[in-house]
Amino acid sequence: MVRGRPLVEPPRSESEWDEVIQLLPGYDPRRGIDGSGLRFDYESASDVVSFYHEMITHAEGKLAMKPFYLQQWQMAYVGNLFGWKRADGSRRFRESLLYVSKKNGKTPLIAGLCNYLLFCDGEYGAQIYGAAGETDQAALLYRHACAMIDHEPELKKRAVIYGGENSRAIRYPEFKSEYKVMSSKAATKHGGNPHAVIIDELLAQDSRDLVDAFTTSMASENRFQSMIVYITTADYDRPSICNDKYEYACKVRDGRVDDWAFLPAIYELPQDADWTDETLWPLANPNLGVSVSMDFLRRQCKMAKEDPTLENTFRRFHLNQRTSTNVAWMQLHNWDQSTGLRDGETPLEWRERMLVEMKGKPCALGVDLSQSMDITAVVALFKPPETDGDWVVIPWFWVPTTNAHKRERQDRVPYVTWTRAGFATLTDDDYINFGVINEHIRWCAEYFDVREIGFDPYNARASAQTWHETYGVEVAEVRQGAASLSEPMKTVYGLTMAERLHHGGNPVLRWMVGNTSAKIDENENIRPDKEKSTERIDGVSATITAMARALVVDTSPSWGFQGL
């Protein structure tokens, strides 16, 4: 294979290497090592860089089959990892965290490292494992490593590749060594005697079992220089093995923990930095302009500024900032642009017009019953007959009298004002009168064509039985988890952003939208978070519950609609 000159020249002397190994963010590899017997072996560091430049090619995309020339930050990482030696000649570092944003080339970099460990590390009978939360994730490294071998004749003639679904492995028969893909479940049951372990996307680990299984299996004196490498982007701010390792790595980097066997490579935007400042983005994206496009980041940032639910995704995946699982759901100016009000029309006038226009029309009801002192919400949601038509949501609210006066006086929440204006109804004393709610649902069933009522099974099963048996309306439980609520919550948001969810500017519902916090899980599913939301969100919960049923309820011609 014809190879040109590297885009970034590798270090050619000890003085140049001295500069390169100092390039890991915030970490000084020479700090605190006096008297330890540690030394930097410039030839070993140069050997691993030469291996990439002379034996490794890219595996996919527009660079496929082209030489893998390391960037300077990558040279700093692999140079430190393989160049430092102990007094007995073994490697200094036995554990490392590579913490960098998505699309910065973690996978191909570490795939090349796996091949180096297998073919060039001189370890007879080496057991090298690539593990992740799921086998498919671990197989990403394997596929890159296989392609690199396939493109280089000197490696290909030494390797035997097994590609079975349950036996992905690369073997080096001459040294009786093997690189093998393992899932978390398999790894936790595996004893073994690993020479090296690569754990991909540490943030995806549900527990510390995988890490514990491998670290305990690396205690053998029979292995001269075993090591474990974690590669990951930032996790959410939660208890996790990923955050534990990140925090430990930060302590090592900052000199708060004296552990010269742990190599921290942390590329991140500081938590207090302005995430919209693109001049700071290279801190988390050392491959910016190489494998990461500035135009892509700018577009993602713009979307995150316009859609609050995307902010944490952008910051976590592309700026490597550990974020909360909670984000503000919707900006009120977006909500206000989707009222459906005619010029000069008031919210009350809009509601009266909608009641006339929607009489007899099919709809889904969403109900959020309060326990005692809180607001109860009932929402009627009407789906348009055409694919790109406008949806209509009409909400009703009930507030206990005592609570309404107390909240208006103490918390400046204008419950009484809303009830006087006709946007909410006061119920007697300190509690919601469920008889009043049931009567309103009976009225809805007679006035509209209510096809289904969605409700939270936690506190509405008894009432739902009345709605079904007495009023003859179909009812459906809608559990308040991400599995049930993510799609309808995203649909409500998307329709609002498209100005196709008309709500008439109801001030109570508007207040609740502003209160709503969205909880996002590791799969980017969302749901309303009542615990983290700033105030009551009952109307939003009822709307999303109604949408959950509207998306799946019967859309036969008897509806009068064709559905989405």
Protein backbone atom coordinates (compact mmCIF):
# COMPACT_ATOMS: atom_id res chain seq x y z
CA MET A 1 0.00 0.00 0.00
CA VAL A 2 1.34 3.42 -0.97
CA ARG A 3 1.47 5.78 1.96
CA GLY A 4 2.12 9.49 1.87
CA ARG A 5 3.52 11.66 4.62
CA PRO A 6 1.42 11.87 7.80
CA LEU A 7 -0.81 14.91 8.10
CA VAL A 8 0.62 15.43 11.60
CA GLU A 9 4.29 14.58 11.94
CA PRO A 10 5.05 12.16 14.80
CA PRO A 11 7.63 13.11 17.42
CA ARG A 12 11.14 12.53 16.10
CA SER A 13 13.17 13.15 19.24
CA GLU A 14 13.04 12.88 23.00
CA SER A 15 12.43 16.61 23.32
CA GLU A 16 9.48 16.43 20.93
CA TRP A 17 8.03 13.49 22.85
CA ASP A 18 8.46 15.43 26.09
CA GLU A 19 6.13 18.07 24.68
CA VAL A 20 3.58 15.59 23.31
CA ILE A 21 3.09 13.59 26.50
CA GLN A 22 2.18 16.81 28.33
CA LEU A 23 -0.82 17.41 26.02
CA LEU A 24 -3.46 15.39 27.88
CA PRO A 25 -5.91 17.98 29.33
CA GLY A 26 -4.95 19.05 32.84
CA TYR A 27 -2.74 16.02 33.45
CA ASP A 28 0.98 16.06 34.14
CA PRO A 29 2.34 12.49 33.81
CA ARG A 30 5.58 13.49 35.57
CA ARG A 31 3.89 14.84 38.68
CA GLY A 32 4.72 12.93 41.84
CA ILE A 33 6.85 10.21 40.28
CA ASP A 34 10.23 11.13 41.79
CA GLY A 35 11.80 8.05 43.34
CA SER A 36 9.23 5.74 41.76
CA GLY A 37 11.58 4.25 39.19
CA LEU A 38 9.23 5.27 36.38
CA ARG A 39 10.75 6.33 33.08
CA PHE A 40 9.47 7.27 29.64
CA ASP A 41 10.63 4.89 26.90
CA TYR A 42 10.66 7.03 23.78
CA GLU A 43 11.24 4.07 21.49
CA SER A 44 8.19 2.20 22.80
CA ALA A 45 6.03 5.28 22.32
CA SER A 46 7.36 5.72 18.79
CA ASP A 47 6.74 2.03 18.03
CA VAL A 48 3.01 2.26 18.72
CA VAL A 49 2.68 5.44 16.64
CA SER A 50 4.59 3.77 13.80
CA PHE A 51 2.26 0.77 14.03
CA TYR A 52 -0.73 3.00 13.34
CA HIS A 53 0.98 4.91 10.55
CA GLU A 54 2.46 1.88 8.80
CA MET A 55 0.09 -1.01 9.54
CA ILE A 56 -3.36 0.44 10.23
CA THR A 57 -5.94 1.85 7.85
CA HIS A 58 -9.34 3.37 8.42
CA ALA A 59 -12.18 0.89 8.27
CA GLU A 60 -15.13 2.82 6.86
CA GLY A 61 -16.43 5.99 5.30
CA LYS A 62 -14.54 8.26 2.94
CA LEU A 63 -11.24 7.39 4.65
CA ALA A 64 -11.72 3.63 4.27
CA MET A 65 -8.45 1.84 3.37
CA LYS A 66 -6.49 5.05 3.79
CA PRO A 67 -3.58 5.23 6.28
CA PHE A 68 -4.51 5.89 9.90
CA TYR A 69 -2.36 8.90 10.73
CA LEU A 70 -2.77 9.82 14.37
CA GLN A 71 -3.66 13.33 15.39
CA GLN A 72 -1.46 14.94 18.03
CA TRP A 73 -3.97 14.31 20.85
CA GLN A 74 -4.10 10.64 19.85
CA MET A 75 -0.30 10.43 19.87
CA ALA A 76 -0.35 11.94 23.34
CA TYR A 77 -2.77 9.28 24.53
CA VAL A 78 -1.19 6.14 23.05
CA GLY A 79 2.30 7.52 23.66
CA ASN A 80 1.62 7.92 27.37
CA LEU A 81 -0.21 4.60 27.56
CA PHE A 82 2.59 2.54 26.00
CA GLY A 83 5.67 4.69 26.53
CA TRP A 84 5.83 4.85 30.31
CA LYS A 85 7.62 1.95 31.99
CA ARG A 86 8.19 0.76 35.52
CA ALA A 87 11.55 -0.21 36.94
CA ASP A 88 10.93 -3.86 35.99
CA GLY A 89 10.27 -2.90 32.36
CA SER A 90 6.52 -3.44 32.47
CA ARG A 91 4.05 -0.72 31.51
CA ARG A 92 3.29 1.96 34.03
CA PHE A 93 -0.42 2.35 33.33
CA ARG A 94 -2.79 -0.48 34.22
CA GLU A 95 -6.05 1.45 34.01
CA SER A 96 -7.19 4.33 31.81
CA LEU A 97 -10.27 6.38 31.02
CA LEU A 98 -10.62 7.92 27.56
CA TYR A 99 -13.48 10.38 28.01
CA VAL A 100 -14.32 12.23 24.81
CA SER A 101 -17.38 13.39 22.87
CA LYS A 102 -19.04 11.37 20.15
CA LYS A 103 -17.60 11.23 16.64
CA ASN A 104 -14.05 12.00 17.79
CA GLY A 105 -12.73 8.67 16.58
CA LYS A 106 -12.73 6.70 19.83
CA THR A 107 -13.74 3.44 18.19
CA PRO A 108 -11.15 3.33 15.37
CA LEU A 109 -8.41 4.57 17.71
CA ILE A 110 -9.10 1.81 20.23
CA ALA A 111 -9.60 -0.81 17.51
CA GLY A 112 -6.06 -0.06 16.35
CA LEU A 113 -4.92 -0.33 19.96
CA CYS A 114 -6.56 -3.78 20.22
CA ASN A 115 -4.61 -4.94 17.16
CA TYR A 116 -1.37 -3.59 18.61
CA LEU A 117 -2.00 -5.46 21.87
CA LEU A 118 -2.72 -8.65 19.95
CA PHE A 119 0.11 -8.62 17.40
CA CYS A 120 2.88 -6.43 18.83
CA ASP A 121 2.78 -6.60 22.62
CA GLY A 122 4.85 -9.79 22.87
CA GLU A 123 2.42 -11.43 25.30
CA TYR A 124 2.16 -15.18 24.76
CA GLY A 125 -1.35 -16.55 25.25
CA ALA A 126 -2.78 -13.05 25.55
CA GLN A 127 -6.49 -12.86 26.28
CA ILE A 128 -7.85 -9.53 25.11
CA TYR A 129 -11.52 -8.74 25.61
CA GLY A 130 -13.75 -6.11 24.07
CA ALA A 131 -16.84 -5.69 26.21
CA ALA A 132 -19.85 -3.38 26.36
CA GLY A 133 -23.37 -3.29 27.70
CA GLU A 134 -24.64 -5.06 24.59
CA THR A 135 -22.80 -7.46 22.29
CA ASP A 136 -23.58 -5.29 19.25
CA GLN A 137 -21.83 -2.33 20.86
CA ALA A 138 -18.78 -4.41 21.68
CA ALA A 139 -18.82 -5.72 18.11
CA LEU A 140 -18.20 -2.21 16.74
CA LEU A 141 -14.57 -2.41 17.88
CA TYR A 142 -14.31 -5.91 16.48
CA ARG A 143 -15.58 -4.88 13.04
CA HIS A 144 -13.10 -2.01 12.85
CA ALA A 145 -10.26 -4.26 14.01
CA CYS A 146 -11.18 -6.92 11.43
CA ALA A 147 -11.30 -4.39 8.58
CA MET A 148 -7.91 -3.02 9.61
CA ILE A 149 -6.46 -6.52 9.52
CA ASP A 150 -8.09 -7.30 6.18
CA HIS A 151 -6.50 -4.19 4.63
CA GLU A 152 -2.96 -4.99 5.79
CA PRO A 153 -1.32 -8.14 4.35
CA GLU A 154 1.24 -8.44 7.17
CA LEU A 155 -1.54 -8.63 9.76
CA LYS A 156 -3.90 -10.67 7.62
CA LYS A 157 -1.47 -13.55 7.16
CA ARG A 158 -0.99 -13.78 10.94
CA ALA A 159 -4.66 -13.65 11.92
CA VAL A 160 -7.55 -16.10 11.99
CA ILE A 161 -10.90 -14.32 12.19
CA TYR A 162 -14.06 -15.90 13.58
CA GLY A 163 -17.27 -14.05 12.77
CA GLY A 164 -20.03 -16.16 14.30
CA GLU A 165 -22.87 -14.37 16.08
CA ASN A 166 -21.78 -15.78 19.43
CA SER A 167 -18.07 -16.22 18.77
CA ARG A 168 -16.64 -13.01 17.31
CA ALA A 169 -12.91 -13.34 17.79
CA ILE A 170 -9.51 -12.63 16.20
CA ARG A 171 -6.78 -15.16 16.90
CA TYR A 172 -3.01 -14.92 16.52
CA PRO A 173 -2.03 -18.60 16.37
CA GLU A 174 1.72 -18.01 16.50
CA PHE A 175 1.40 -16.57 20.02
CA LYS A 176 -1.75 -18.52 21.02
CA SER A 177 -3.40 -15.14 21.63
CA GLU A 178 -6.95 -13.96 21.06
CA TYR A 179 -9.09 -10.84 20.96
CA LYS A 180 -12.70 -11.70 21.77
CA VAL A 181 -16.01 -9.83 21.91
CA MET A 182 -18.05 -10.24 25.07
CA SER A 183 -21.33 -8.82 26.34
CA SER A 184 -21.76 -7.59 29.90
CA LYS A 185 -23.78 -10.67 30.84
CA ALA A 186 -21.15 -13.07 29.58
CA ALA A 187 -18.25 -11.11 31.04
CA THR A 188 -19.67 -11.10 34.57
CA LYS A 189 -19.66 -14.91 34.49
CA HIS A 190 -16.16 -15.11 33.06
CA GLY A 191 -13.09 -15.79 35.17
CA GLY A 192 -10.29 -15.74 32.66
CA ASN A 193 -6.83 -14.31 32.88
CA PRO A 194 -6.99 -11.19 30.68
CA HIS A 195 -3.99 -9.39 29.30
CA ALA A 196 -6.12 -6.41 28.32
CA VAL A 197 -9.77 -5.39 28.56
CA ILE A 198 -11.50 -2.64 26.59
CA ILE A 199 -14.89 -1.56 27.91
CA ASP A 200 -16.72 0.48 25.31
CA GLU A 201 -19.34 3.12 26.23
CA LEU A 202 -18.99 2.76 29.97
CA LEU A 203 -22.01 5.03 30.40
CA ALA A 204 -24.25 2.17 29.17
CA GLN A 205 -23.35 -0.10 32.09
CA ASP A 206 -26.34 -0.57 34.40
CA SER A 207 -24.13 -1.66 37.28
CA ARG A 208 -20.49 -2.10 38.19
CA ASP A 209 -20.64 -5.90 37.78
CA LEU A 210 -18.80 -5.92 34.44
CA VAL A 211 -15.95 -3.75 35.71
CA ASP A 212 -15.69 -5.71 38.96
CA ALA A 213 -15.61 -9.03 37.09
CA PHE A 214 -12.68 -7.96 34.96
CA THR A 215 -10.69 -6.03 37.54
CA THR A 216 -10.79 -8.96 39.96
CA SER A 217 -9.69 -11.34 37.17
CA MET A 218 -6.59 -9.21 36.45
CA ALA A 219 -4.90 -9.92 39.77
CA SER A 220 -2.83 -12.81 38.43
CA GLU A 221 0.94 -12.59 38.85
CA ASN A 222 1.15 -14.56 35.62
CA ARG A 223 0.31 -11.43 33.63
CA PHE A 224 3.26 -9.04 33.37
CA GLN A 225 1.42 -5.84 32.41
CA SER A 226 -2.32 -6.33 32.16
CA MET A 227 -4.50 -3.25 31.73
CA ILE A 228 -8.12 -2.16 31.42
CA VAL A 229 -9.24 0.78 29.27
CA TYR A 230 -12.63 2.46 29.54
CA ILE A 231 -13.88 4.54 26.62
CA THR A 232 -17.01 6.62 26.96
CA THR A 233 -18.85 9.86 26.52
CA ALA A 234 -20.43 11.63 29.47
CA ASP A 235 -23.17 9.97 31.50
CA TYR A 236 -26.13 11.65 33.14
CA ASP A 237 -25.64 13.07 36.62
CA ARG A 238 -26.65 9.94 38.51
CA PRO A 239 -25.05 7.14 40.52
CA SER A 240 -23.23 4.93 37.98
CA ILE A 241 -19.94 3.13 37.42
CA CYS A 242 -19.25 5.57 34.58
CA ASN A 243 -19.53 8.56 36.90
CA ASP A 244 -17.51 6.77 39.57
CA LYS A 245 -14.62 6.21 37.14
CA TYR A 246 -14.93 9.74 35.75
CA GLU A 247 -14.75 11.29 39.22
CA TYR A 248 -11.77 9.12 40.12
CA ALA A 249 -10.04 10.05 36.87
CA CYS A 250 -10.62 13.74 37.63
CA LYS A 251 -9.01 13.31 41.05
CA VAL A 252 -5.97 11.67 39.47
CA ARG A 253 -5.78 14.36 36.78
CA ASP A 254 -5.99 17.15 39.37
CA GLY A 255 -3.48 15.57 41.76
CA ARG A 256 -6.05 14.95 44.50
CA VAL A 257 -5.38 11.20 44.31
CA ASP A 258 -1.87 9.79 43.96
CA ASP A 259 -2.27 6.92 41.51
CA TRP A 260 0.44 6.88 38.85
CA ALA A 261 -0.96 3.62 37.37
CA PHE A 262 -4.17 5.34 36.19
CA LEU A 263 -4.10 7.41 32.97
CA PRO A 264 -6.88 10.03 32.67
CA ALA A 265 -7.64 11.47 29.23
CA ILE A 266 -10.61 13.77 29.77
CA TYR A 267 -11.84 15.97 26.95
CA GLU A 268 -14.81 18.00 28.13
CA LEU A 269 -16.37 21.43 28.32
CA PRO A 270 -16.29 22.67 31.94
CA GLN A 271 -19.66 22.50 33.66
CA ASP A 272 -19.80 26.26 34.18
CA ALA A 273 -18.77 27.12 30.59
CA ASP A 274 -21.11 28.68 28.04
CA TRP A 275 -22.13 25.69 25.94
CA THR A 276 -23.13 27.96 23.04
CA ASP A 277 -19.61 29.42 22.74
CA GLU A 278 -18.15 27.55 19.78
CA THR A 279 -14.62 28.73 20.57
CA LEU A 280 -14.77 26.33 23.54
CA TRP A 281 -15.99 23.30 21.62
CA PRO A 282 -12.47 22.01 20.79
CA LEU A 283 -12.01 21.29 24.52
CA ALA A 284 -14.44 18.39 24.16
CA ASN A 285 -13.76 17.69 20.49
CA PRO A 286 -10.02 17.22 19.91
CA ASN A 287 -10.84 15.85 16.44
CA LEU A 288 -12.79 18.95 15.43
CA GLY A 289 -12.22 19.53 11.74
CA VAL A 290 -10.99 15.96 11.29
CA SER A 291 -13.81 13.57 12.17
CA VAL A 292 -16.12 16.16 13.73
CA SER A 293 -17.71 18.82 11.53
CA MET A 294 -18.02 22.35 12.88
CA ASP A 295 -21.07 22.87 10.67
CA PHE A 296 -22.70 19.82 12.25
CA LEU A 297 -22.03 21.11 15.77
CA ARG A 298 -23.36 24.55 14.88
CA ARG A 299 -26.58 23.05 13.55
CA GLN A 300 -27.00 20.84 16.62
CA CYS A 301 -26.38 23.82 18.89
CA LYS A 302 -28.95 25.90 17.02
CA MET A 303 -31.52 23.13 17.38
CA ALA A 304 -30.72 22.80 21.09
CA LYS A 305 -31.22 26.52 21.65
CA GLU A 306 -34.62 26.34 19.94
CA ASP A 307 -35.71 23.06 21.55
CA PRO A 308 -34.95 22.79 25.30
CA THR A 309 -35.39 19.01 25.21
CA LEU A 310 -32.35 18.78 22.92
CA GLU A 311 -30.04 20.93 25.06
CA ASN A 312 -28.85 18.17 27.36
CA THR A 313 -28.40 15.78 24.43
CA PHE A 314 -26.16 18.28 22.66
CA ARG A 315 -24.18 19.13 25.77
CA ARG A 316 -23.73 15.51 26.86
CA PHE A 317 -22.92 13.85 23.55
CA HIS A 318 -21.09 16.66 21.77
CA LEU A 319 -19.57 18.73 24.59
CA ASN A 320 -19.08 15.85 27.04
CA GLN A 321 -20.78 17.67 29.88
CA ARG A 322 -22.43 15.55 32.52
CA THR A 323 -26.02 16.77 32.56
CA SER A 324 -29.17 16.20 34.52
CA THR A 325 -31.74 13.71 33.27
CA ASN A 326 -34.21 16.59 33.51
CA VAL A 327 -34.67 19.47 31.11
CA ALA A 328 -37.23 22.20 30.62
CA TRP A 329 -39.77 20.73 28.24
CA MET A 330 -40.99 23.65 26.19
CA GLN A 331 -40.33 27.37 25.87
CA LEU A 332 -43.48 29.38 26.40
CA HIS A 333 -42.97 31.54 23.33
CA ASN A 334 -43.30 28.38 21.23
CA TRP A 335 -46.45 27.40 23.10
CA ASP A 336 -47.87 30.88 22.62
CA GLN A 337 -47.43 30.70 18.86
CA SER A 338 -49.78 27.73 18.62
CA THR A 339 -52.91 29.11 20.28
CA GLY A 340 -55.13 29.04 17.19
CA LEU A 341 -56.68 32.35 18.27
CA ARG A 342 -58.18 34.57 15.62
CA ASP A 343 -57.28 38.27 15.56
CA GLY A 344 -58.77 39.93 18.63
CA GLU A 345 -60.19 36.67 19.98
CA THR A 346 -59.85 35.97 23.70
CA PRO A 347 -59.14 32.54 25.19
CA LEU A 348 -62.72 32.32 26.48
CA GLU A 349 -64.14 33.26 23.09
CA TRP A 350 -61.91 30.64 21.45
CA ARG A 351 -63.21 27.98 23.84
CA GLU A 352 -66.81 28.86 23.13
CA ARG A 353 -66.14 28.67 19.41
CA MET A 354 -64.42 25.31 19.76
CA LEU A 355 -67.25 23.89 21.84
CA VAL A 356 -69.61 24.72 19.01
CA GLU A 357 -67.32 23.45 16.26
CA MET A 358 -66.37 20.23 18.07
CA LYS A 359 -69.85 19.22 19.20
CA GLY A 360 -70.43 15.60 18.27
CA LYS A 361 -66.88 15.20 16.97
CA PRO A 362 -64.81 12.18 18.04
CA CYS A 363 -62.13 12.81 20.64
CA ALA A 364 -59.99 11.18 23.31
CA LEU A 365 -60.16 12.37 26.91
CA GLY A 366 -57.16 12.51 29.19
CA VAL A 367 -57.78 12.62 32.93
CA ASP A 368 -55.37 13.51 35.73
CA LEU A 369 -57.17 13.08 39.06
CA SER A 370 -55.74 14.75 42.13
CA GLN A 371 -55.43 13.04 45.47
CA SER A 372 -56.87 15.79 47.63
CA MET A 373 -55.62 19.38 47.60
CA ASP A 374 -54.20 19.46 44.09
CA ILE A 375 -55.65 20.37 40.72
CA THR A 376 -57.65 17.85 38.72
CA ALA A 377 -57.51 18.17 34.94
CA VAL A 378 -59.65 16.76 32.15
CA VAL A 379 -58.61 17.37 28.55
CA ALA A 380 -60.49 16.69 25.33
CA LEU A 381 -58.16 16.11 22.38
CA PHE A 382 -59.48 16.23 18.80
CA LYS A 383 -57.52 14.73 15.93
CA PRO A 384 -57.80 16.34 12.48
CA PRO A 385 -59.28 14.43 9.51
CA GLU A 386 -56.29 15.23 7.30
CA THR A 387 -52.66 14.32 7.88
CA ASP A 388 -51.40 17.90 8.10
CA GLY A 389 -54.45 19.33 9.87
CA ASP A 390 -54.64 21.09 13.22
CA TRP A 391 -55.31 19.32 16.49
CA VAL A 392 -57.49 20.91 19.18
CA VAL A 393 -57.13 20.54 22.92
CA ILE A 394 -59.82 21.84 25.32
CA PRO A 395 -58.90 21.63 29.03
CA TRP A 396 -60.95 21.91 32.22
CA PHE A 397 -59.55 22.30 35.76
CA TRP A 398 -60.91 21.91 39.31
CA VAL A 399 -59.31 23.29 42.48
CA PRO A 400 -60.38 22.80 46.14
CA THR A 401 -61.62 26.12 47.53
CA THR A 402 -59.36 26.20 50.59
CA ASN A 403 -56.26 25.36 48.61
CA ALA A 404 -57.06 27.95 45.93
CA HIS A 405 -57.26 30.85 48.39
CA LYS A 406 -54.18 29.68 50.29
CA ARG A 407 -52.04 29.28 47.16
CA GLU A 408 -53.10 32.65 45.77
CA ARG A 409 -52.21 34.35 49.03
CA GLN A 410 -48.93 32.57 49.79
CA ASP A 411 -47.51 31.53 46.43
CA ARG A 412 -48.98 34.16 44.11
CA VAL A 413 -50.57 31.43 41.99
CA PRO A 414 -53.80 33.08 40.71
CA TYR A 415 -56.16 30.15 41.22
CA VAL A 416 -59.05 32.33 42.43
CA THR A 417 -58.52 34.77 39.58
CA TRP A 418 -58.62 31.89 37.11
CA THR A 419 -61.83 30.54 38.59
CA ARG A 420 -63.49 33.95 38.45
CA ALA A 421 -62.45 34.27 34.81
CA GLY A 422 -63.93 30.86 33.99
CA PHE A 423 -60.72 28.89 33.42
CA ALA A 424 -61.05 26.70 36.52
CA THR A 425 -63.81 25.57 38.88
CA LEU A 426 -63.72 25.68 42.67
CA THR A 427 -64.92 22.60 44.51
CA ASP A 428 -66.19 22.48 48.08
CA ASP A 429 -63.86 22.63 51.07
CA ASP A 430 -60.45 20.96 51.06
CA TYR A 431 -60.91 18.12 48.61
CA ILE A 432 -61.79 17.46 45.02
CA ASN A 433 -65.35 16.20 44.69
CA PHE A 434 -65.03 13.25 42.33
CA GLY A 435 -68.78 13.36 41.79
CA VAL A 436 -68.32 16.74 40.06
CA ILE A 437 -65.57 15.30 37.86
CA ASN A 438 -67.69 12.29 36.95
CA GLU A 439 -70.59 14.54 36.03
CA HIS A 440 -68.36 16.55 33.72
CA ILE A 441 -67.11 13.39 32.03
CA ARG A 442 -70.73 12.27 31.58
CA TRP A 443 -71.44 15.63 29.91
CA CYS A 444 -68.41 15.19 27.62
CA ALA A 445 -69.59 11.70 26.67
CA GLU A 446 -72.98 13.12 25.66
CA TYR A 447 -71.73 16.33 24.01
CA PHE A 448 -68.75 14.90 22.07
CA ASP A 449 -68.13 11.49 20.55
CA VAL A 450 -65.69 10.32 23.24
CA ARG A 451 -63.99 7.26 21.86
CA GLU A 452 -61.72 6.56 24.79
CA ILE A 453 -60.65 7.96 28.14
CA GLY A 454 -57.01 7.63 29.09
CA PHE A 455 -56.19 7.65 32.79
CA ASP A 456 -53.37 7.03 35.24
CA PRO A 457 -54.13 3.66 36.87
CA TYR A 458 -52.45 4.79 40.07
CA ASN A 459 -55.44 6.71 41.36
CA ALA A 460 -58.32 6.49 38.88
CA ARG A 461 -59.29 2.83 38.49
CA ALA A 462 -62.45 3.13 40.60
CA SER A 463 -63.61 6.25 38.75
CA ALA A 464 -62.75 4.66 35.38
CA GLN A 465 -65.09 1.80 36.19
CA THR A 466 -67.91 4.33 36.58
CA TRP A 467 -67.04 6.03 33.30
CA HIS A 468 -67.16 2.73 31.48
CA GLU A 469 -70.10 0.98 33.13
CA THR A 470 -72.35 3.99 33.70
CA TYR A 471 -71.53 6.24 30.75
CA GLY A 472 -70.63 3.50 28.27
CA VAL A 473 -67.26 4.99 27.32
CA GLU A 474 -64.18 2.89 26.63
CA VAL A 475 -61.37 3.47 29.10
CA ALA A 476 -57.65 2.69 28.93
CA GLU A 477 -54.89 2.74 31.49
CA VAL A 478 -51.91 4.92 30.53
CA ARG A 479 -48.99 4.20 32.80
CA GLN A 480 -46.92 7.27 33.57
CA GLY A 481 -43.54 5.93 32.47
CA ALA A 482 -41.34 6.67 29.48
CA ALA A 483 -42.50 3.56 27.60
CA SER A 484 -46.07 4.88 27.50
CA LEU A 485 -45.50 8.63 27.43
CA SER A 486 -42.41 9.26 25.29
CA GLU A 487 -44.07 9.09 21.88
CA PRO A 488 -47.16 11.14 22.83
CA MET A 489 -45.04 13.72 24.67
CA LYS A 490 -42.80 14.13 21.64
CA THR A 491 -45.90 14.34 19.42
CA VAL A 492 -47.40 17.13 21.53
CA TYR A 493 -44.11 18.98 21.34
CA GLY A 494 -43.73 18.49 17.60
CA LEU A 495 -47.29 19.61 16.86
CA THR A 496 -46.80 22.70 19.01
CA MET A 497 -43.56 23.61 17.26
CA ALA A 498 -45.41 23.24 13.95
CA GLU A 499 -48.22 25.46 15.36
CA ARG A 500 -50.70 22.65 14.80
CA LEU A 501 -51.81 21.98 18.39
CA HIS A 502 -54.40 24.68 19.13
CA HIS A 503 -55.19 25.34 22.77
CA GLY A 504 -56.66 28.83 22.75
CA GLY A 505 -54.09 30.29 25.15
CA ASN A 506 -55.76 28.85 28.25
CA PRO A 507 -53.77 30.54 31.06
CA VAL A 508 -53.91 27.58 33.46
CA LEU A 509 -52.58 25.15 30.87
CA ARG A 510 -49.98 27.70 29.80
CA TRP A 511 -48.74 28.02 33.39
CA MET A 512 -48.45 24.25 33.63
CA VAL A 513 -46.51 24.01 30.37
CA GLY A 514 -44.00 26.48 31.81
CA ASN A 515 -43.71 24.31 34.93
CA THR A 516 -43.04 21.06 33.11
CA SER A 517 -39.68 19.37 33.31
CA ALA A 518 -38.93 16.42 31.02
CA LYS A 519 -37.01 13.42 32.28
CA ILE A 520 -34.86 11.76 29.62
CA ASP A 521 -33.49 8.23 29.88
CA GLU A 522 -30.40 6.72 28.26
CA ASN A 523 -32.44 5.83 25.15
CA GLU A 524 -33.63 9.41 24.74
CA ASN A 525 -37.17 8.49 25.82
CA ILE A 526 -38.91 11.28 27.70
CA ARG A 527 -41.73 11.68 30.19
CA PRO A 528 -42.99 14.48 32.42
CA ASP A 529 -41.18 14.57 35.75
CA LYS A 530 -43.62 15.63 38.42
CA GLU A 531 -40.97 15.55 41.14
CA LYS A 532 -38.57 17.91 39.34
CA SER A 533 -41.16 20.16 37.69
CA THR A 534 -41.36 23.55 39.35
CA GLU A 535 -45.14 23.51 40.02
CA ARG A 536 -48.36 21.75 39.04
CA ILE A 537 -48.38 20.06 35.60
CA ASP A 538 -51.71 18.20 35.76
CA GLY A 539 -53.04 19.72 32.54
CA VAL A 540 -49.90 18.74 30.64
CA SER A 541 -50.11 15.19 32.02
CA ALA A 542 -53.76 14.95 30.97
CA THR A 543 -52.93 16.26 27.47
CA ILE A 544 -50.12 13.74 26.98
CA THR A 545 -52.33 10.95 28.35
CA ALA A 546 -55.06 11.90 25.85
CA MET A 547 -52.48 11.94 23.06
CA ALA A 548 -51.30 8.46 24.07
CA ARG A 549 -54.78 7.15 23.29
CA ALA A 550 -55.42 9.39 20.26
CA LEU A 551 -52.36 7.92 18.56
CA VAL A 552 -53.65 4.34 18.82
CA VAL A 553 -57.42 4.55 19.15
CA ASP A 554 -59.71 3.26 16.39
CA THR A 555 -59.43 5.47 13.30
CA SER A 556 -62.12 3.73 11.25
CA PRO A 557 -64.49 5.86 9.12
CA SER A 558 -66.91 6.06 12.03
CA TRP A 559 -64.44 8.43 13.57
CA GLY A 560 -64.87 10.77 10.65
CA PHE A 561 -61.07 11.02 10.55
CA GLN A 562 -58.34 9.31 8.56
CA GLY A 563 -55.77 9.68 11.33
CA LEU A 564 -52.10 10.52 11.01
